[in-house]
């Protein structure tokens, strides 16, 4: 069984997330402006926001969403360290 997801905003349950950038682990790279619907603690739907469509009222707006527990911190690249 998939793990359930519990999101709240000041104690109010969140059933919709608007992700400006989504790394879904399926396509190469990121996809943008995605609406994620949560039903009974499980992701029920992920779909692109249609052109001109408003962000659903009450949606949690976030910059990035990525699956699982992955390390998104980058300390360097191409043999150069940034820290």
PDB file of N, CA and C in Angstrom:
ATOM      1  N   UNK A   1       0.838  -1.172   0.000  1.00  0.00           N
ATOM      2  CA  UNK A   1       0.000   0.000   0.000  1.00  0.00           C
ATOM      3  C   UNK A   1       0.888   1.241   0.000  1.00  0.00           C
ATOM      4  N   UNK A   2       0.477   2.255  -0.750  1.00  0.00           N
ATOM      5  CA  UNK A   2       1.231   3.509  -0.823  1.00  0.00           C
ATOM      6  C   UNK A   2       1.114   4.269   0.495  1.00  0.00           C
ATOM      7  N   UNK A   3       2.184   4.964   0.874  1.00  0.00           N
ATOM      8  CA  UNK A   3       2.104   5.764   2.106  1.00  0.00           C
ATOM      9  C   UNK A   3       1.122   6.905   1.925  1.00  0.00           C
ATOM     10  N   UNK A   4       0.402   7.228   2.995  1.00  0.00           N
ATOM     11  CA  UNK A   4      -0.567   8.305   2.893  1.00  0.00           C
ATOM     12  C   UNK A   4       0.110   9.631   3.176  1.00  0.00           C
ATOM     13  N   UNK A   5      -0.469  10.686   2.636  1.00  0.00           N
ATOM     14  CA  UNK A   5       0.078  12.026   2.721  1.00  0.00           C
ATOM     15  C   UNK A   5      -0.863  12.874   3.559  1.00  0.00           C
ATOM     16  N   UNK A   6      -0.326  13.579   4.528  1.00  0.00           N
ATOM     17  CA  UNK A   6      -1.147  14.429   5.377  1.00  0.00           C
ATOM     18  C   UNK A   6      -0.558  15.830   5.366  1.00  0.00           C
ATOM     19  N   UNK A   7      -1.244  16.757   4.716  1.00  0.00           N
ATOM     20  CA  UNK A   7      -0.811  18.143   4.664  1.00  0.00           C
ATOM     21  C   UNK A   7      -1.842  19.010   5.365  1.00  0.00           C
ATOM     22  N   UNK A   8      -1.349  19.944   6.157  1.00  0.00           N
ATOM     23  CA  UNK A   8      -2.244  20.899   6.796  1.00  0.00           C
ATOM     24  C   UNK A   8      -1.647  22.289   6.701  1.00  0.00           C
ATOM     25  N   UNK A   9      -2.509  23.276   6.715  1.00  0.00           N
ATOM     26  CA  UNK A   9      -2.114  24.676   6.747  1.00  0.00           C
ATOM     27  C   UNK A   9      -2.848  25.302   7.916  1.00  0.00           C
ATOM     28  N   UNK A  10      -2.124  25.554   8.995  1.00  0.00           N
ATOM     29  CA  UNK A  10      -2.735  26.080  10.222  1.00  0.00           C
ATOM     30  C   UNK A  10      -3.887  25.203  10.694  1.00  0.00           C
ATOM     31  N   UNK A  11      -3.694  23.893  10.599  1.00  0.00           N
ATOM     32  CA  UNK A  11      -4.697  22.946  11.079  1.00  0.00           C
ATOM     33  C   UNK A  11      -5.780  22.596  10.081  1.00  0.00           C
ATOM     34  N   UNK A  12      -5.818  23.263   8.936  1.00  0.00           N
ATOM     35  CA  UNK A  12      -6.826  22.961   7.917  1.00  0.00           C
ATOM     36  C   UNK A  12      -6.225  21.999   6.893  1.00  0.00           C
ATOM     37  N   UNK A  13      -6.914  20.901   6.610  1.00  0.00           N
ATOM     38  CA  UNK A  13      -6.362  19.935   5.657  1.00  0.00           C
ATOM     39  C   UNK A  13      -6.239  20.541   4.257  1.00  0.00           C
ATOM     40  N   UNK A  14      -5.195  20.166   3.564  1.00  0.00           N
ATOM     41  CA  UNK A  14      -4.965  20.629   2.197  1.00  0.00           C
ATOM     42  C   UNK A  14      -5.265  19.473   1.262  1.00  0.00           C
ATOM     43  N   UNK A  15      -6.122  19.724   0.264  1.00  0.00           N
ATOM     44  CA  UNK A  15      -6.441  18.662  -0.692  1.00  0.00           C
ATOM     45  C   UNK A  15      -5.940  18.970  -2.099  1.00  0.00           C
ATOM     46  N   UNK A  16      -5.323  20.153  -2.272  1.00  0.00           N
ATOM     47  CA  UNK A  16      -4.793  20.526  -3.576  1.00  0.00           C
ATOM     48  C   UNK A  16      -3.472  21.263  -3.391  1.00  0.00           C
ATOM     49  N   UNK A  17      -2.496  20.917  -4.227  1.00  0.00           N
ATOM     50  CA  UNK A  17      -1.198  21.590  -4.231  1.00  0.00           C
ATOM     51  C   UNK A  17      -0.959  22.100  -5.646  1.00  0.00           C
ATOM     52  N   UNK A  18      -0.506  23.343  -5.752  1.00  0.00           N
ATOM     53  CA  UNK A  18      -0.092  23.873  -7.045  1.00  0.00           C
ATOM     54  C   UNK A  18       1.427  23.958  -7.043  1.00  0.00           C
ATOM     55  N   UNK A  19       2.058  23.177  -7.908  1.00  0.00           N
ATOM     56  CA  UNK A  19       3.521  23.131  -7.991  1.00  0.00           C
ATOM     57  C   UNK A  19       3.974  23.897  -9.222  1.00  0.00           C
ATOM     58  N   UNK A  20       4.765  24.931  -9.003  1.00  0.00           N
ATOM     59  CA  UNK A  20       5.326  25.668 -10.142  1.00  0.00           C
ATOM     60  C   UNK A  20       6.306  24.785 -10.915  1.00  0.00           C
ATOM     61  N   UNK A  21       7.031  23.928 -10.199  1.00  0.00           N
ATOM     62  CA  UNK A  21       7.964  22.987 -10.823  1.00  0.00           C
ATOM     63  C   UNK A  21       7.764  21.622 -10.183  1.00  0.00           C
ATOM     64  N   UNK A  22       7.588  20.599 -11.005  1.00  0.00           N
ATOM     65  CA  UNK A  22       7.391  19.241 -10.511  1.00  0.00           C
ATOM     66  C   UNK A  22       8.402  18.316 -11.176  1.00  0.00           C
ATOM     67  N   UNK A  23       9.149  17.611 -10.350  1.00  0.00           N
ATOM     68  CA  UNK A  23      10.025  16.544 -10.820  1.00  0.00           C
ATOM     69  C   UNK A  23       9.289  15.251 -10.507  1.00  0.00           C
ATOM     70  N   UNK A  24       8.713  14.625 -11.520  1.00  0.00           N
ATOM     71  CA  UNK A  24       7.863  13.459 -11.258  1.00  0.00           C
ATOM     72  C   UNK A  24       8.591  12.127 -11.314  1.00  0.00           C
ATOM     73  N   UNK A  25       9.852  12.125 -11.745  1.00  0.00           N
ATOM     74  CA  UNK A  25      10.605  10.881 -11.815  1.00  0.00           C
ATOM     75  C   UNK A  25      10.250  10.038 -13.016  1.00  0.00           C
ATOM     76  N   UNK A  26       9.370  10.534 -13.871  1.00  0.00           N
ATOM     77  CA  UNK A  26       8.958   9.788 -15.061  1.00  0.00           C
ATOM     78  C   UNK A  26       9.552  10.413 -16.316  1.00  0.00           C
ATOM     79  N   UNK A  27       9.373  11.715 -16.469  1.00  0.00           N
ATOM     80  CA  UNK A  27       9.913  12.411 -17.636  1.00  0.00           C
ATOM     81  C   UNK A  27      11.290  12.978 -17.293  1.00  0.00           C
ATOM     82  N   UNK A  28      12.108  13.165 -18.304  1.00  0.00           N
ATOM     83  CA  UNK A  28      13.404  13.809 -18.091  1.00  0.00           C
ATOM     84  C   UNK A  28      13.170  15.284 -17.805  1.00  0.00           C
ATOM     85  N   UNK A  29      13.776  15.777 -16.764  1.00  0.00           N
ATOM     86  CA  UNK A  29      13.641  17.188 -16.416  1.00  0.00           C
ATOM     87  C   UNK A  29      12.382  17.473 -15.625  1.00  0.00           C
ATOM     88  N   UNK A  30      12.038  18.737 -15.599  1.00  0.00           N
ATOM     89  CA  UNK A  30      10.904  19.192 -14.797  1.00  0.00           C
ATOM     90  C   UNK A  30       9.713  19.511 -15.691  1.00  0.00           C
ATOM     91  N   UNK A  31       8.539  19.432 -15.082  1.00  0.00           N
ATOM     92  CA  UNK A  31       7.330  19.933 -15.728  1.00  0.00           C
ATOM     93  C   UNK A  31       6.807  21.062 -14.852  1.00  0.00           C
ATOM     94  N   UNK A  32       6.061  21.961 -15.443  1.00  0.00           N
ATOM     95  CA  UNK A  32       5.708  23.192 -14.744  1.00  0.00           C
ATOM     96  C   UNK A  32       4.203  23.369 -14.625  1.00  0.00           C
ATOM     97  N   UNK A  33       3.827  24.175 -13.634  1.00  0.00           N
ATOM     98  CA  UNK A  33       2.428  24.560 -13.386  1.00  0.00           C
ATOM     99  C   UNK A  33       1.504  23.342 -13.311  1.00  0.00           C
ATOM    100  N   UNK A  34       1.756  22.498 -12.317  1.00  0.00           N
ATOM    101  CA  UNK A  34       0.992  21.268 -12.132  1.00  0.00           C
ATOM    102  C   UNK A  34       0.057  21.377 -10.934  1.00  0.00           C
ATOM    103  N   UNK A  35      -1.131  20.865 -11.085  1.00  0.00           N
ATOM    104  CA  UNK A  35      -2.107  20.806  -9.999  1.00  0.00           C
ATOM    105  C   UNK A  35      -2.138  19.368  -9.493  1.00  0.00           C
ATOM    106  N   UNK A  36      -1.904  19.215  -8.197  1.00  0.00           N
ATOM    107  CA  UNK A  36      -1.856  17.895  -7.568  1.00  0.00           C
ATOM    108  C   UNK A  36      -3.040  17.802  -6.618  1.00  0.00           C
ATOM    109  N   UNK A  37      -3.925  16.827  -6.853  1.00  0.00           N
ATOM    110  CA  UNK A  37      -5.096  16.651  -5.996  1.00  0.00           C
ATOM    111  C   UNK A  37      -4.860  15.472  -5.059  1.00  0.00           C
ATOM    112  N   UNK A  38      -5.142  15.706  -3.783  1.00  0.00           N
ATOM    113  CA  UNK A  38      -4.947  14.688  -2.751  1.00  0.00           C
ATOM    114  C   UNK A  38      -6.319  14.264  -2.241  1.00  0.00           C
ATOM    115  N   UNK A  39      -6.553  12.958  -2.229  1.00  0.00           N
ATOM    116  CA  UNK A  39      -7.835  12.424  -1.776  1.00  0.00           C
ATOM    117  C   UNK A  39      -7.577  11.342  -0.732  1.00  0.00           C
ATOM    118  N   UNK A  40      -8.087  11.555   0.451  1.00  0.00           N
ATOM    119  CA  UNK A  40      -7.941  10.591   1.543  1.00  0.00           C
ATOM    120  C   UNK A  40      -6.469  10.257   1.814  1.00  0.00           C
ATOM    121  N   UNK A  41      -5.622  11.292   1.729  1.00  0.00           N
ATOM    122  CA  UNK A  41      -4.213  11.109   2.046  1.00  0.00           C
ATOM    123  C   UNK A  41      -3.351  10.547   0.935  1.00  0.00           C
ATOM    124  N   UNK A  42      -3.930  10.290  -0.233  1.00  0.00           N
ATOM    125  CA  UNK A  42      -3.182   9.744  -1.360  1.00  0.00           C
ATOM    126  C   UNK A  42      -3.258  10.693  -2.550  1.00  0.00           C
ATOM    127  N   UNK A  43      -2.203  10.724  -3.345  1.00  0.00           N
ATOM    128  CA  UNK A  43      -2.230  11.541  -4.553  1.00  0.00           C
ATOM    129  C   UNK A  43      -3.206  10.896  -5.527  1.00  0.00           C
ATOM    130  N   UNK A  44      -4.262  11.626  -5.854  1.00  0.00           N
ATOM    131  CA  UNK A  44      -5.309  11.101  -6.713  1.00  0.00           C
ATOM    132  C   UNK A  44      -5.146  11.552  -8.164  1.00  0.00           C
ATOM    133  N   UNK A  45      -4.534  12.722  -8.349  1.00  0.00           N
ATOM    134  CA  UNK A  45      -4.427  13.260  -9.707  1.00  0.00           C
ATOM    135  C   UNK A  45      -3.279  14.256  -9.766  1.00  0.00           C
ATOM    136  N   UNK A  46      -2.561  14.224 -10.870  1.00  0.00           N
ATOM    137  CA  UNK A  46      -1.570  15.244 -11.196  1.00  0.00           C
ATOM    138  C   UNK A  46      -1.864  15.652 -12.629  1.00  0.00           C
ATOM    139  N   UNK A  47      -2.088  16.962 -12.812  1.00  0.00           N
ATOM    140  CA  UNK A  47      -2.413  17.426 -14.158  1.00  0.00           C
ATOM    141  C   UNK A  47      -1.868  18.829 -14.371  1.00  0.00           C
ATOM    142  N   UNK A  48      -1.628  19.186 -15.618  1.00  0.00           N
ATOM    143  CA  UNK A  48      -1.161  20.546 -15.880  1.00  0.00           C
ATOM    144  C   UNK A  48      -2.301  21.547 -15.706  1.00  0.00           C
ATOM    145  N   UNK A  49      -1.940  22.732 -15.266  1.00  0.00           N
ATOM    146  CA  UNK A  49      -2.933  23.812 -15.204  1.00  0.00           C
ATOM    147  C   UNK A  49      -3.178  24.287 -16.627  1.00  0.00           C
ATOM    148  N   UNK A  50      -4.430  24.378 -17.004  1.00  0.00           N
ATOM    149  CA  UNK A  50      -4.782  24.820 -18.353  1.00  0.00           C
ATOM    150  C   UNK A  50      -4.471  26.306 -18.529  1.00  0.00           C
ATOM    151  N   UNK A  51      -4.201  26.697 -19.740  1.00  0.00           N
ATOM    152  CA  UNK A  51      -3.926  28.106 -20.041  1.00  0.00           C
ATOM    153  C   UNK A  51      -5.110  28.945 -19.591  1.00  0.00           C
ATOM    154  N   UNK A  52      -4.840  29.951 -18.780  1.00  0.00           N
ATOM    155  CA  UNK A  52      -5.885  30.838 -18.281  1.00  0.00           C
ATOM    156  C   UNK A  52      -6.626  30.322 -17.060  1.00  0.00           C
ATOM    157  N   UNK A  53      -6.387  29.066 -16.672  1.00  0.00           N
ATOM    158  CA  UNK A  53      -7.067  28.482 -15.509  1.00  0.00           C
ATOM    159  C   UNK A  53      -6.498  29.075 -14.220  1.00  0.00           C
ATOM    160  N   UNK A  54      -7.379  29.462 -13.325  1.00  0.00           N
ATOM    161  CA  UNK A  54      -6.943  29.986 -12.027  1.00  0.00           C
ATOM    162  C   UNK A  54      -6.416  28.849 -11.162  1.00  0.00           C
ATOM    163  N   UNK A  55      -5.499  29.195 -10.272  1.00  0.00           N
ATOM    164  CA  UNK A  55      -5.046  28.228  -9.283  1.00  0.00           C
ATOM    165  C   UNK A  55      -6.229  27.945  -8.364  1.00  0.00           C
ATOM    166  N   UNK A  56      -6.533  26.677  -8.102  1.00  0.00           N
ATOM    167  CA  UNK A  56      -7.705  26.364  -7.274  1.00  0.00           C
ATOM    168  C   UNK A  56      -7.649  27.066  -5.917  1.00  0.00           C
ATOM    169  N   UNK A  57      -8.776  27.593  -5.489  1.00  0.00           N
ATOM    170  CA  UNK A  57      -8.862  28.237  -4.185  1.00  0.00           C
ATOM    171  C   UNK A  57      -8.488  27.267  -3.075  1.00  0.00           C
ATOM    172  N   UNK A  58      -7.699  27.727  -2.126  1.00  0.00           N
ATOM    173  CA  UNK A  58      -7.284  26.892  -1.010  1.00  0.00           C
ATOM    174  C   UNK A  58      -6.091  26.005  -1.304  1.00  0.00           C
ATOM    175  N   UNK A  59      -5.594  26.042  -2.546  1.00  0.00           N
ATOM    176  CA  UNK A  59      -4.445  25.201  -2.897  1.00  0.00           C
ATOM    177  C   UNK A  59      -3.193  25.724  -2.208  1.00  0.00           C
ATOM    178  N   UNK A  60      -2.348  24.815  -1.788  1.00  0.00           N
ATOM    179  CA  UNK A  60      -1.032  25.157  -1.268  1.00  0.00           C
ATOM    180  C   UNK A  60      -0.135  25.412  -2.476  1.00  0.00           C
ATOM    181  N   UNK A  61       0.404  26.628  -2.604  1.00  0.00           N
ATOM    182  CA  UNK A  61       1.279  26.967  -3.719  1.00  0.00           C
ATOM    183  C   UNK A  61       2.731  26.791  -3.298  1.00  0.00           C
ATOM    184  N   UNK A  62       3.468  25.978  -4.058  1.00  0.00           N
ATOM    185  CA  UNK A  62       4.874  25.717  -3.748  1.00  0.00           C
ATOM    186  C   UNK A  62       5.710  25.868  -5.015  1.00  0.00           C
ATOM    187  N   UNK A  63       6.996  26.136  -4.816  1.00  0.00           N
ATOM    188  CA  UNK A  63       7.905  26.283  -5.952  1.00  0.00           C
ATOM    189  C   UNK A  63       8.270  24.941  -6.570  1.00  0.00           C
ATOM    190  N   UNK A  64       8.623  23.959  -5.730  1.00  0.00           N
ATOM    191  CA  UNK A  64       9.109  22.678  -6.255  1.00  0.00           C
ATOM    192  C   UNK A  64       8.510  21.503  -5.501  1.00  0.00           C
ATOM    193  N   UNK A  65       8.199  20.451  -6.251  1.00  0.00           N
ATOM    194  CA  UNK A  65       7.753  19.186  -5.668  1.00  0.00           C
ATOM    195  C   UNK A  65       8.597  18.089  -6.311  1.00  0.00           C
ATOM    196  N   UNK A  66       9.100  17.172  -5.485  1.00  0.00           N
ATOM    197  CA  UNK A  66       9.899  16.052  -5.971  1.00  0.00           C
ATOM    198  C   UNK A  66       9.492  14.797  -5.208  1.00  0.00           C
ATOM    199  N   UNK A  67       9.528  13.631  -5.847  1.00  0.00           N
ATOM    200  CA  UNK A  67       9.107  12.398  -5.194  1.00  0.00           C
ATOM    201  C   UNK A  67      10.135  11.881  -4.194  1.00  0.00           C
ATOM    202  N   UNK A  68       9.649  11.196  -3.190  1.00  0.00           N
ATOM    203  CA  UNK A  68      10.509  10.470  -2.270  1.00  0.00           C
ATOM    204  C   UNK A  68      11.458  11.319  -1.463  1.00  0.00           C
ATOM    205  N   UNK A  69      12.444  10.658  -0.933  1.00  0.00           N
ATOM    206  CA  UNK A  69      13.465  11.306  -0.127  1.00  0.00           C
ATOM    207  C   UNK A  69      14.742  11.369  -0.957  1.00  0.00           C
ATOM    208  N   UNK A  70      14.892  12.447  -1.697  1.00  0.00           N
ATOM    209  CA  UNK A  70      16.091  12.611  -2.503  1.00  0.00           C
ATOM    210  C   UNK A  70      16.818  13.861  -2.046  1.00  0.00           C
ATOM    211  N   UNK A  71      18.104  13.897  -2.263  1.00  0.00           N
ATOM    212  CA  UNK A  71      18.920  15.035  -1.874  1.00  0.00           C
ATOM    213  C   UNK A  71      18.951  16.023  -3.032  1.00  0.00           C
ATOM    214  N   UNK A  72      18.263  17.156  -2.882  1.00  0.00           N
ATOM    215  CA  UNK A  72      18.226  18.163  -3.937  1.00  0.00           C
ATOM    216  C   UNK A  72      19.256  19.266  -3.706  1.00  0.00           C
ATOM    217  N   UNK A  73      20.068  19.123  -2.667  1.00  0.00           N
ATOM    218  CA  UNK A  73      21.087  20.126  -2.389  1.00  0.00           C
ATOM    219  C   UNK A  73      22.279  19.895  -3.310  1.00  0.00           C
ATOM    220  N   UNK A  74      22.742  20.958  -3.930  1.00  0.00           N
ATOM    221  CA  UNK A  74      23.890  20.862  -4.819  1.00  0.00           C
ATOM    222  C   UNK A  74      24.997  21.731  -4.252  1.00  0.00           C
ATOM    223  N   UNK A  75      26.138  21.107  -3.958  1.00  0.00           N
ATOM    224  CA  UNK A  75      27.285  21.843  -3.415  1.00  0.00           C
ATOM    225  C   UNK A  75      28.351  22.100  -4.471  1.00  0.00           C
ATOM    226  N   UNK A  76      28.156  21.623  -5.666  1.00  0.00           N
ATOM    227  CA  UNK A  76      29.147  21.836  -6.705  1.00  0.00           C
ATOM    228  C   UNK A  76      28.809  21.045  -7.952  1.00  0.00           C
ATOM    229  N   UNK A  77      29.577  21.317  -8.993  1.00  0.00           N
ATOM    230  CA  UNK A  77      29.397  20.603 -10.250  1.00  0.00           C
ATOM    231  C   UNK A  77      30.647  20.775 -11.088  1.00  0.00           C
ATOM    232  N   UNK A  78      30.867  19.848 -11.988  1.00  0.00           N
ATOM    233  CA  UNK A  78      31.989  19.925 -12.923  1.00  0.00           C
ATOM    234  C   UNK A  78      33.310  20.130 -12.193  1.00  0.00           C
ATOM    235  N   UNK A  79      33.509  19.345 -11.131  1.00  0.00           N
ATOM    236  CA  UNK A  79      34.738  19.391 -10.335  1.00  0.00           C
ATOM    237  C   UNK A  79      34.980  20.714  -9.614  1.00  0.00           C
ATOM    238  N   UNK A  80      33.940  21.538  -9.450  1.00  0.00           N
ATOM    239  CA  UNK A  80      34.064  22.798  -8.695  1.00  0.00           C
ATOM    240  C   UNK A  80      33.096  22.737  -7.509  1.00  0.00           C
ATOM    241  N   UNK A  81      33.584  23.079  -6.338  1.00  0.00           N
ATOM    242  CA  UNK A  81      32.750  23.100  -5.140  1.00  0.00           C
ATOM    243  C   UNK A  81      32.277  24.531  -4.885  1.00  0.00           C
ATOM    244  N   UNK A  82      30.996  24.678  -4.537  1.00  0.00           N
ATOM    245  CA  UNK A  82      30.420  26.002  -4.300  1.00  0.00           C
ATOM    246  C   UNK A  82      30.478  26.412  -2.827  1.00  0.00           C
ATOM    247  N   UNK A  83      30.813  25.496  -1.937  1.00  0.00           N
ATOM    248  CA  UNK A  83      30.818  25.841  -0.522  1.00  0.00           C
ATOM    249  C   UNK A  83      32.220  25.922   0.033  1.00  0.00           C
TER     250      UNK A  83
END
